[in-house]
């Protein structure tokens, strides 16, 4: 329960009504507003202010900011005489701000695929995904590199693409000319640790898009700190 500082009676004989307030930053209030709207549905600023214990002015300010960002929508509802009522609600664009569990969904789907078709069907699924990713990676590399780009440049570009996909990847050119691709994060860890086919598909993907021999030296799913690949010309 929040405590309000007492107002000395000697200074204010008839204290005005104090609107409930909560000390919270703009980002915290915006998050609370989105959560409240998700739980309660369309609500007016007055309703939101009361439920959150925040000032109506602060709520309106943050609702306008959320509306400008297309995270909430506003509709005008007329009810009899008097001023119309404005109701706010979350938009589809706000969905990414709420918790998701895609890893569990993906893992569950893969388990179901394996249960239906065994390892063969599971490998076919990862092979299809490898082909899709391969087409996309080759297109990106073609746009950014010359057709005769040396292996080190191709690996660096692949590292950029993998970094964009959440793998915290980089490329290393050793003194002796050895080229390595390192991934310091596994963006599909919950899948990779349970499905070896996922990591095998990635290995084959790298070999195909680079046109090179790729050997995995370290493996996050096996307990190493990163996934490291030694890459040499065929």
Protein backbone atom coordinates (compact mmCIF):
# COMPACT_ATOMS: atom_id res chain seq x y z
CA UNK A 1 0.00 0.00 0.00
CA UNK A 2 1.39 3.42 -1.04
CA UNK A 3 1.91 6.05 1.62
CA UNK A 4 1.32 9.74 0.93
CA UNK A 5 3.20 12.44 2.79
CA UNK A 6 0.82 14.13 5.24
CA UNK A 7 -0.14 17.76 4.53
CA UNK A 8 0.24 19.91 7.67
CA UNK A 9 -3.22 21.02 8.82
CA UNK A 10 -1.87 24.45 9.81
CA UNK A 11 -0.97 25.20 6.20
CA UNK A 12 -4.11 23.89 4.45
CA UNK A 13 -7.38 24.17 6.31
CA UNK A 14 -9.39 22.31 3.70
CA UNK A 15 -6.98 20.12 1.73
CA UNK A 16 -8.06 19.54 -1.88
CA UNK A 17 -8.82 16.07 -3.17
CA UNK A 18 -5.55 14.41 -4.13
CA UNK A 19 -5.59 12.28 -7.27
CA UNK A 20 -3.80 8.95 -6.67
CA UNK A 21 -0.35 8.90 -8.25
CA UNK A 22 2.47 6.46 -8.57
CA UNK A 23 6.07 7.51 -9.12
CA UNK A 24 7.01 5.74 -12.33
CA UNK A 25 9.01 6.67 -15.40
CA UNK A 26 7.41 7.10 -18.82
CA UNK A 27 8.65 3.75 -20.12
CA UNK A 28 7.30 1.92 -17.06
CA UNK A 29 3.91 3.58 -17.37
CA UNK A 30 3.73 2.76 -21.08
CA UNK A 31 4.45 -0.88 -20.33
CA UNK A 32 1.81 -0.92 -17.60
CA UNK A 33 -0.73 0.69 -19.92
CA UNK A 34 -0.14 -1.90 -22.63
CA UNK A 35 -0.44 -4.74 -20.15
CA UNK A 36 -3.61 -3.29 -18.65
CA UNK A 37 -5.20 -2.85 -22.06
CA UNK A 38 -4.24 -6.38 -23.04
CA UNK A 39 -5.88 -7.73 -19.90
CA UNK A 40 -8.96 -5.51 -19.76
CA UNK A 41 -9.66 -4.58 -23.36
CA UNK A 42 -10.79 -1.13 -24.58
CA UNK A 43 -10.56 1.37 -21.72
CA UNK A 44 -10.86 5.09 -21.19
CA UNK A 45 -8.03 7.23 -19.78
CA UNK A 46 -10.02 7.66 -16.56
CA UNK A 47 -10.40 3.92 -16.15
CA UNK A 48 -6.71 3.32 -16.83
CA UNK A 49 -5.65 6.03 -14.41
CA UNK A 50 -7.81 4.54 -11.67
CA UNK A 51 -6.62 0.97 -12.26
CA UNK A 52 -2.97 1.94 -12.34
CA UNK A 53 -3.09 4.55 -9.62
CA UNK A 54 -1.57 7.07 -12.00
CA UNK A 55 -2.52 10.62 -12.91
CA UNK A 56 -4.95 11.10 -15.78
CA UNK A 57 -2.59 13.65 -17.32
CA UNK A 58 0.31 11.21 -17.28
CA UNK A 59 -1.84 8.42 -18.70
CA UNK A 60 -3.07 10.62 -21.54
CA UNK A 61 0.46 11.71 -22.36
CA UNK A 62 1.70 8.14 -22.62
CA UNK A 63 -1.37 6.97 -24.53
CA UNK A 64 -0.69 9.63 -27.15
CA UNK A 65 2.92 8.47 -27.41
CA UNK A 66 1.78 4.86 -27.79
CA UNK A 67 -0.77 5.91 -30.40
CA UNK A 68 1.92 7.76 -32.38
CA UNK A 69 3.96 4.56 -32.30
CA UNK A 70 0.92 2.59 -33.58
CA UNK A 71 0.93 0.43 -30.45
CA UNK A 72 -2.54 1.53 -29.31
CA UNK A 73 -5.60 2.68 -31.23
CA UNK A 74 -8.29 5.13 -30.18
CA UNK A 75 -11.98 5.06 -30.93
CA UNK A 76 -14.65 7.60 -30.14
CA UNK A 77 -17.81 6.28 -28.51
CA UNK A 78 -20.89 8.49 -28.18
CA UNK A 79 -23.34 7.75 -25.40
CA UNK A 80 -26.31 10.07 -25.12
CA UNK A 81 -25.72 13.76 -24.66
CA UNK A 82 -22.44 15.26 -23.57
CA UNK A 83 -18.90 14.83 -24.74
CA UNK A 84 -17.96 11.61 -26.56
CA UNK A 85 -15.86 9.05 -24.76
CA UNK A 86 -12.45 7.94 -26.03
CA UNK A 87 -11.50 4.29 -25.63
CA UNK A 88 -7.99 2.94 -26.20
CA UNK A 89 -6.88 -0.58 -27.04
CA UNK A 90 -3.68 -2.35 -28.08
CA UNK A 91 -2.99 -2.92 -31.78
CA UNK A 92 -1.51 -5.94 -33.54
CA UNK A 93 1.83 -4.08 -33.69
CA UNK A 94 2.08 -4.35 -29.90
CA UNK A 95 2.13 -8.15 -29.96
CA UNK A 96 5.93 -8.35 -30.12
CA UNK A 97 6.14 -6.46 -26.82
CA UNK A 98 4.35 -9.23 -24.94
CA UNK A 99 5.92 -12.53 -23.84
CA UNK A 100 6.27 -15.22 -26.50
CA UNK A 101 7.34 -18.83 -26.41
CA UNK A 102 8.42 -19.58 -29.96
CA UNK A 103 11.28 -21.84 -28.85
CA UNK A 104 8.84 -24.16 -27.07
CA UNK A 105 6.52 -24.11 -30.09
CA UNK A 106 9.35 -24.96 -32.48
CA UNK A 107 10.65 -27.71 -30.23
CA UNK A 108 7.15 -29.14 -29.87
CA UNK A 109 6.58 -29.11 -33.62
CA UNK A 110 9.88 -30.86 -34.26
CA UNK A 111 9.05 -33.49 -31.64
CA UNK A 112 5.69 -34.04 -33.32
CA UNK A 113 7.34 -34.34 -36.75
CA UNK A 114 9.80 -36.88 -35.38
CA UNK A 115 6.97 -38.82 -33.73
CA UNK A 116 5.06 -38.98 -37.01
CA UNK A 117 7.88 -39.68 -39.43
CA UNK A 118 10.94 -40.54 -37.37
CA UNK A 119 14.45 -39.27 -37.98
CA UNK A 120 14.06 -39.42 -41.77
CA UNK A 121 11.20 -36.93 -41.84
CA UNK A 122 12.96 -34.68 -39.33
CA UNK A 123 16.06 -34.60 -41.52
CA UNK A 124 13.90 -33.75 -44.53
CA UNK A 125 12.43 -30.79 -42.64
CA UNK A 126 15.87 -29.43 -41.78
CA UNK A 127 17.06 -30.04 -45.33
CA UNK A 128 14.15 -27.99 -46.66
CA UNK A 129 14.95 -25.21 -44.21
CA UNK A 130 18.61 -25.35 -45.25
CA UNK A 131 17.62 -24.86 -48.89
CA UNK A 132 15.43 -21.88 -48.01
CA UNK A 133 18.16 -20.25 -45.94
CA UNK A 134 20.75 -21.06 -48.59
CA UNK A 135 18.80 -19.23 -51.28
CA UNK A 136 18.46 -16.20 -49.03
CA UNK A 137 22.13 -16.15 -47.97
CA UNK A 138 23.38 -16.60 -51.54
CA UNK A 139 21.20 -13.71 -52.68
CA UNK A 140 22.60 -11.46 -49.97
CA UNK A 141 26.18 -12.45 -50.70
CA UNK A 142 25.69 -11.93 -54.45
CA UNK A 143 24.40 -8.42 -53.81
CA UNK A 144 27.38 -7.50 -51.64
CA UNK A 145 30.35 -9.39 -53.07
CA UNK A 146 32.02 -9.83 -56.41
CA UNK A 147 31.60 -13.24 -58.01
CA UNK A 148 35.31 -13.98 -57.59
CA UNK A 149 35.60 -12.71 -54.00
CA UNK A 150 38.27 -14.60 -52.04
CA UNK A 151 37.28 -17.09 -49.36
CA UNK A 152 38.13 -14.75 -46.46
CA UNK A 153 35.74 -12.09 -47.80
CA UNK A 154 32.98 -14.64 -48.31
CA UNK A 155 33.38 -15.86 -44.73
CA UNK A 156 33.34 -12.29 -43.40
CA UNK A 157 30.10 -11.61 -45.27
CA UNK A 158 28.56 -14.84 -43.95
CA UNK A 159 29.57 -13.74 -40.43
CA UNK A 160 27.73 -10.45 -40.95
CA UNK A 161 24.61 -12.30 -42.08
CA UNK A 162 24.77 -14.69 -39.12
CA UNK A 163 25.33 -11.80 -36.72
CA UNK A 164 22.19 -10.16 -38.08
CA UNK A 165 20.36 -13.39 -37.29
CA UNK A 166 21.41 -13.31 -33.63
CA UNK A 167 24.45 -15.59 -33.65
CA UNK A 168 27.02 -12.95 -32.54
CA UNK A 169 29.25 -14.18 -35.35
CA UNK A 170 32.63 -12.98 -36.56
CA UNK A 171 35.32 -14.14 -38.98
CA UNK A 172 38.98 -14.66 -38.08
CA UNK A 173 41.92 -14.84 -40.48
CA UNK A 174 44.84 -16.57 -38.76
CA UNK A 175 48.50 -15.71 -39.42
CA UNK A 176 48.95 -18.99 -41.31
CA UNK A 177 46.02 -18.14 -43.59
CA UNK A 178 43.45 -20.34 -41.85
CA UNK A 179 39.96 -18.86 -41.99
CA UNK A 180 37.52 -19.45 -39.16
CA UNK A 181 33.89 -18.51 -38.59
CA UNK A 182 32.89 -18.15 -34.93
CA UNK A 183 29.39 -17.97 -33.51
CA UNK A 184 29.38 -16.80 -29.90
CA UNK A 185 25.65 -17.42 -29.47
CA UNK A 186 23.32 -20.14 -30.68
CA UNK A 187 20.08 -18.49 -31.76
CA UNK A 188 18.33 -21.88 -31.90
CA UNK A 189 19.93 -23.42 -28.80
CA UNK A 190 16.79 -25.07 -27.41
CA UNK A 191 16.34 -26.85 -30.73
CA UNK A 192 20.00 -27.59 -31.42
CA UNK A 193 20.59 -29.30 -28.07
CA UNK A 194 17.78 -31.77 -28.76
CA UNK A 195 18.04 -32.17 -32.54
CA UNK A 196 21.51 -32.92 -33.98
CA UNK A 197 19.97 -32.58 -37.45
CA UNK A 198 19.70 -28.82 -36.90
CA UNK A 199 23.45 -28.41 -36.44
CA UNK A 200 24.23 -30.77 -39.29
CA UNK A 201 21.99 -28.70 -41.56
CA UNK A 202 23.87 -25.53 -40.56
CA UNK A 203 27.20 -27.19 -41.32
CA UNK A 204 25.99 -28.20 -44.77
CA UNK A 205 24.52 -24.74 -45.35
CA UNK A 206 27.88 -23.06 -44.71
CA UNK A 207 29.65 -25.48 -47.03
CA UNK A 208 27.14 -24.91 -49.83
CA UNK A 209 26.98 -21.10 -49.71
CA UNK A 210 30.77 -20.73 -49.36
CA UNK A 211 31.69 -23.43 -51.84
CA UNK A 212 34.28 -24.59 -49.33
CA UNK A 213 35.16 -27.36 -46.92
CA UNK A 214 33.77 -26.59 -43.46
CA UNK A 215 34.81 -28.43 -40.30
CA UNK A 216 33.23 -27.70 -36.91
CA UNK A 217 35.86 -27.47 -34.19
CA UNK A 218 33.75 -26.24 -31.26
CA UNK A 219 30.06 -26.65 -30.56
CA UNK A 220 27.84 -24.70 -28.14
CA UNK A 221 25.25 -27.48 -27.98
CA UNK A 222 28.03 -29.82 -26.81
CA UNK A 223 29.09 -27.49 -24.00
CA UNK A 224 31.67 -25.25 -25.68
CA UNK A 225 31.61 -21.46 -25.35
CA UNK A 226 31.12 -20.92 -29.06
CA UNK A 227 30.64 -22.72 -32.35
CA UNK A 228 33.86 -22.51 -34.38
CA UNK A 229 34.25 -23.59 -37.99
CA UNK A 230 37.54 -24.03 -39.85
CA UNK A 231 36.98 -23.20 -43.50
CA UNK A 232 39.27 -24.09 -46.40
CA UNK A 233 39.01 -24.01 -50.17
CA UNK A 234 37.94 -27.26 -51.78
